[in-house]
N, C-alpha and C. Protein backbone atom coordinates (compact mmCIF):
# COMPACT_ATOMS: atom_id res chain seq x y z
N MET A 1 13.79 -5.07 9.77
CA MET A 1 15.05 -6.15 9.85
C MET A 1 14.96 -6.66 8.56
N ASN A 2 14.20 -6.28 8.00
CA ASN A 2 13.94 -7.00 6.02
C ASN A 2 13.69 -8.14 6.41
N VAL A 3 12.35 -8.57 7.08
CA VAL A 3 12.18 -9.69 7.12
C VAL A 3 10.88 -9.78 5.92
N TYR A 4 11.41 -10.91 4.85
CA TYR A 4 10.39 -10.88 3.77
C TYR A 4 9.48 -11.46 3.80
N VAL A 5 8.10 -11.50 3.57
CA VAL A 5 7.31 -12.86 4.18
C VAL A 5 7.58 -13.59 3.22
N SER A 6 7.44 -13.57 1.84
CA SER A 6 7.81 -14.68 0.99
C SER A 6 8.53 -15.63 1.53
N TYR A 7 10.22 -15.14 1.74
CA TYR A 7 11.23 -15.77 2.14
C TYR A 7 10.65 -16.34 3.50
N TRP A 8 10.53 -15.84 4.34
CA TRP A 8 10.02 -16.65 5.55
C TRP A 8 8.84 -16.60 6.23
N GLU A 9 7.82 -17.13 4.92
CA GLU A 9 6.31 -17.67 5.18
C GLU A 9 6.43 -18.91 6.33
N LYS A 10 6.78 -19.53 6.19
CA LYS A 10 6.50 -20.93 7.22
C LYS A 10 6.95 -20.22 9.22
N LEU A 11 7.07 -18.95 9.24
CA LEU A 11 6.98 -18.31 10.51
C LEU A 11 5.78 -17.80 10.79
N GLY A 12 4.99 -17.75 9.93
CA GLY A 12 3.75 -17.48 10.26
C GLY A 12 2.88 -15.65 10.22
N TYR A 13 4.17 -15.42 10.22
CA TYR A 13 3.58 -13.64 10.02
C TYR A 13 3.09 -13.14 8.56
N THR A 14 2.33 -11.93 8.61
CA THR A 14 1.74 -11.66 7.66
C THR A 14 2.46 -10.43 6.76
N ARG A 15 2.47 -9.85 5.73
CA ARG A 15 2.67 -8.46 5.27
C ARG A 15 2.67 -7.46 6.92
N GLU A 16 0.97 -7.39 7.20
CA GLU A 16 0.30 -6.26 7.62
C GLU A 16 1.41 -6.70 9.09
N GLN A 17 1.67 -7.88 9.73
CA GLN A 17 2.22 -7.80 10.86
C GLN A 17 3.36 -7.43 10.81
N LEU A 18 3.98 -7.31 9.79
CA LEU A 18 5.60 -7.47 9.89
C LEU A 18 5.96 -5.52 9.93
N LEU A 19 4.61 -5.09 9.31
CA LEU A 19 4.90 -3.63 8.83
C LEU A 19 4.64 -2.79 10.58
N ASN A 20 4.73 -3.62 11.53
CA ASN A 20 4.48 -3.54 12.66
C ASN A 20 6.38 -3.23 13.18
N PRO A 21 6.62 -2.30 13.74
CA PRO A 21 8.48 -2.27 13.53
C PRO A 21 8.57 -3.56 15.07
N GLU A 22 7.94 -3.49 16.40
CA GLU A 22 7.76 -4.52 17.50
C GLU A 22 7.80 -5.87 17.08
N ILE A 23 6.64 -6.09 15.81
CA ILE A 23 7.09 -7.35 15.40
C ILE A 23 7.90 -7.89 14.52
N ASN A 24 8.15 -6.45 14.01
CA ASN A 24 9.40 -7.04 12.76
C ASN A 24 10.70 -7.48 13.09
N ILE A 25 10.13 -6.74 14.32
CA ILE A 25 12.37 -6.50 15.04
C ILE A 25 12.25 -8.45 16.01
N ASP A 26 10.98 -8.87 16.74
CA ASP A 26 10.94 -9.53 16.79
C ASP A 26 11.30 -10.86 16.19
N ALA A 27 10.47 -11.16 14.67
CA ALA A 27 10.49 -11.51 13.75
C ALA A 27 12.20 -12.13 13.45
N GLY A 28 12.71 -10.84 12.87
CA GLY A 28 14.04 -10.86 13.22
C GLY A 28 14.99 -11.27 13.79
N CYS A 29 14.86 -11.27 15.36
CA CYS A 29 15.07 -11.65 16.31
C CYS A 29 15.21 -13.17 16.71
N LEU A 30 14.17 -14.08 15.91
CA LEU A 30 13.59 -15.32 15.99
C LEU A 30 14.13 -16.30 14.63
N ILE A 31 14.36 -15.33 13.83
CA ILE A 31 15.13 -15.89 12.33
C ILE A 31 16.75 -15.77 12.92
N LEU A 32 17.34 -14.84 13.48
CA LEU A 32 18.73 -14.94 13.69
C LEU A 32 19.54 -15.66 14.94
N SER A 33 18.68 -15.85 15.53
CA SER A 33 18.78 -17.05 16.62
C SER A 33 18.68 -18.24 16.20
N ARG A 34 17.42 -19.05 15.63
CA ARG A 34 17.56 -19.92 15.03
C ARG A 34 18.59 -20.23 13.78
N ILE A 35 19.05 -19.19 13.07
CA ILE A 35 20.27 -19.37 12.47
C ILE A 35 21.21 -19.57 13.22
N TRP A 36 21.83 -18.92 14.26
CA TRP A 36 22.85 -18.98 14.98
C TRP A 36 23.07 -20.26 15.39
N LYS A 37 21.64 -20.83 16.35
CA LYS A 37 21.42 -22.27 16.54
C LYS A 37 22.13 -23.45 15.83
N ARG A 38 22.00 -23.35 14.50
CA ARG A 38 22.15 -24.32 13.52
C ARG A 38 23.21 -24.43 12.23
N VAL A 39 24.11 -22.95 12.39
CA VAL A 39 25.33 -22.59 12.12
C VAL A 39 26.21 -22.90 13.07
N LYS A 40 27.51 -24.79 12.15
CA LYS A 40 28.62 -24.84 12.76
C LYS A 40 29.54 -23.74 13.20
N ASN A 41 29.74 -23.74 14.43
CA ASN A 41 30.71 -22.80 14.89
C ASN A 41 30.24 -21.31 14.38
N PRO A 42 29.19 -19.97 14.88
CA PRO A 42 28.50 -19.46 14.29
C PRO A 42 29.52 -18.38 14.65
N THR A 43 29.26 -17.56 13.43
CA THR A 43 30.26 -15.86 13.57
C THR A 43 28.87 -14.79 12.90
N ILE A 44 28.97 -13.87 13.12
CA ILE A 44 28.49 -12.55 13.07
C ILE A 44 28.28 -13.13 11.29
N SER A 45 29.57 -13.30 10.44
CA SER A 45 29.73 -12.96 9.15
C SER A 45 28.96 -14.70 8.39
N LYS A 46 29.14 -15.40 9.51
CA LYS A 46 28.62 -16.84 9.05
C LYS A 46 26.44 -16.34 8.76
N VAL A 47 26.24 -16.08 9.99
CA VAL A 47 25.08 -15.92 10.03
C VAL A 47 24.17 -14.76 9.28
N ALA A 48 25.01 -13.65 9.01
CA ALA A 48 24.45 -12.64 8.09
C ALA A 48 24.44 -13.47 6.82
N SER A 49 25.38 -14.02 6.41
CA SER A 49 25.63 -15.11 5.08
C SER A 49 24.03 -16.00 4.82
N VAL A 50 23.94 -16.53 5.74
CA VAL A 50 22.60 -17.57 5.83
C VAL A 50 21.65 -16.35 5.88
N TYR A 51 21.07 -15.69 6.64
CA TYR A 51 20.16 -14.19 6.37
C TYR A 51 19.41 -14.01 5.37
N GLN A 52 20.99 -13.96 4.53
CA GLN A 52 20.57 -13.68 3.59
C GLN A 52 20.66 -14.33 2.34
N ILE A 53 21.33 -15.59 1.96
CA ILE A 53 20.99 -16.69 1.31
C ILE A 53 20.90 -17.62 2.20
N LEU A 54 19.74 -18.46 2.30
CA LEU A 54 19.55 -19.92 3.04
C LEU A 54 20.76 -20.75 2.79
N GLY A 55 20.82 -21.07 1.47
CA GLY A 55 21.91 -22.29 1.51
C GLY A 55 23.16 -21.80 1.24
N ALA A 56 23.85 -20.75 2.10
CA ALA A 56 25.04 -20.36 1.87
C ALA A 56 25.68 -21.37 2.32
N THR A 57 27.00 -21.64 1.73
CA THR A 57 28.17 -22.43 2.36
C THR A 57 28.94 -21.81 3.04
N GLN A 58 29.33 -20.60 2.74
CA GLN A 58 30.55 -19.91 2.94
C GLN A 58 30.02 -18.02 3.05
N VAL A 59 30.55 -17.33 3.36
CA VAL A 59 30.31 -16.27 3.96
C VAL A 59 30.50 -15.49 2.60
N THR A 60 29.21 -14.43 2.51
CA THR A 60 29.41 -14.03 1.21
C THR A 60 29.60 -12.56 1.58
N ASP A 61 29.86 -11.69 0.87
CA ASP A 61 30.25 -10.30 0.70
C ASP A 61 29.56 -9.52 1.54
N TYR A 62 27.68 -9.77 1.69
CA TYR A 62 26.78 -9.23 2.94
C TYR A 62 27.37 -9.65 4.10
N GLY A 63 28.01 -10.66 4.34
CA GLY A 63 28.02 -11.17 5.63
C GLY A 63 29.25 -11.02 6.11
N ALA A 64 30.26 -10.53 5.05
CA ALA A 64 31.36 -9.73 5.22
C ALA A 64 31.39 -8.69 5.86
N ARG A 65 30.21 -7.77 5.44
CA ARG A 65 30.50 -6.12 5.52
C ARG A 65 29.20 -6.15 7.08
N VAL A 66 28.76 -7.11 7.34
CA VAL A 66 27.66 -7.04 8.41
C VAL A 66 29.05 -7.47 9.43
N GLN A 67 29.98 -8.17 9.34
CA GLN A 67 30.88 -8.39 9.91
C GLN A 67 31.97 -7.00 10.87
N LYS A 68 32.21 -6.54 9.57
CA LYS A 68 32.77 -5.57 9.34
C LYS A 68 32.31 -4.11 10.46
N ILE A 69 31.16 -3.75 9.91
CA ILE A 69 30.52 -3.05 10.85
C ILE A 69 29.84 -3.43 12.20
N TYR A 70 30.12 -4.59 12.49
CA TYR A 70 29.89 -5.02 14.04
C TYR A 70 31.05 -4.74 14.72
N ASP A 71 32.05 -5.24 13.86
CA ASP A 71 33.31 -5.01 14.45
C ASP A 71 33.71 -3.84 14.99
N LEU A 72 33.27 -2.64 14.23
CA LEU A 72 33.40 -0.86 14.06
C LEU A 72 32.99 -0.82 15.47
N THR A 73 31.95 -1.62 15.76
CA THR A 73 31.01 -1.04 17.14
C THR A 73 30.09 0.01 17.18
N LEU A 74 29.60 0.59 16.22
CA LEU A 74 28.96 1.83 16.04
C LEU A 74 27.95 2.14 16.97
N TRP A 75 27.35 1.20 17.96
CA TRP A 75 26.79 2.29 18.62
C TRP A 75 27.06 2.19 20.15
N ASN A 76 26.08 2.58 20.88
CA ASN A 76 26.68 3.25 22.19
C ASN A 76 26.65 1.55 23.16
N GLU A 77 27.30 1.41 24.36
CA GLU A 77 26.75 0.76 24.52
C GLU A 77 26.88 0.81 26.04
N ASN A 78 27.02 2.06 26.17
CA ASN A 78 26.74 2.33 27.62
C ASN A 78 25.14 2.47 28.21
């Protein structure tokens, strides 16, 4: 999930904990869910933008790329 300890230190995870894939994914999901709840009229692109840059006030290139990948539905939903 690319959870950077220094960026998200207030969540209380250590670098060693985040090396564990299960903990890392849980932390990433927690971050994304908190961002989703705080963004006005949340979309994938807005949340991804804030995930990358906490102070983002508009969709970033990263946020737009994440939205495009999401829209392509590259995973199997079965």
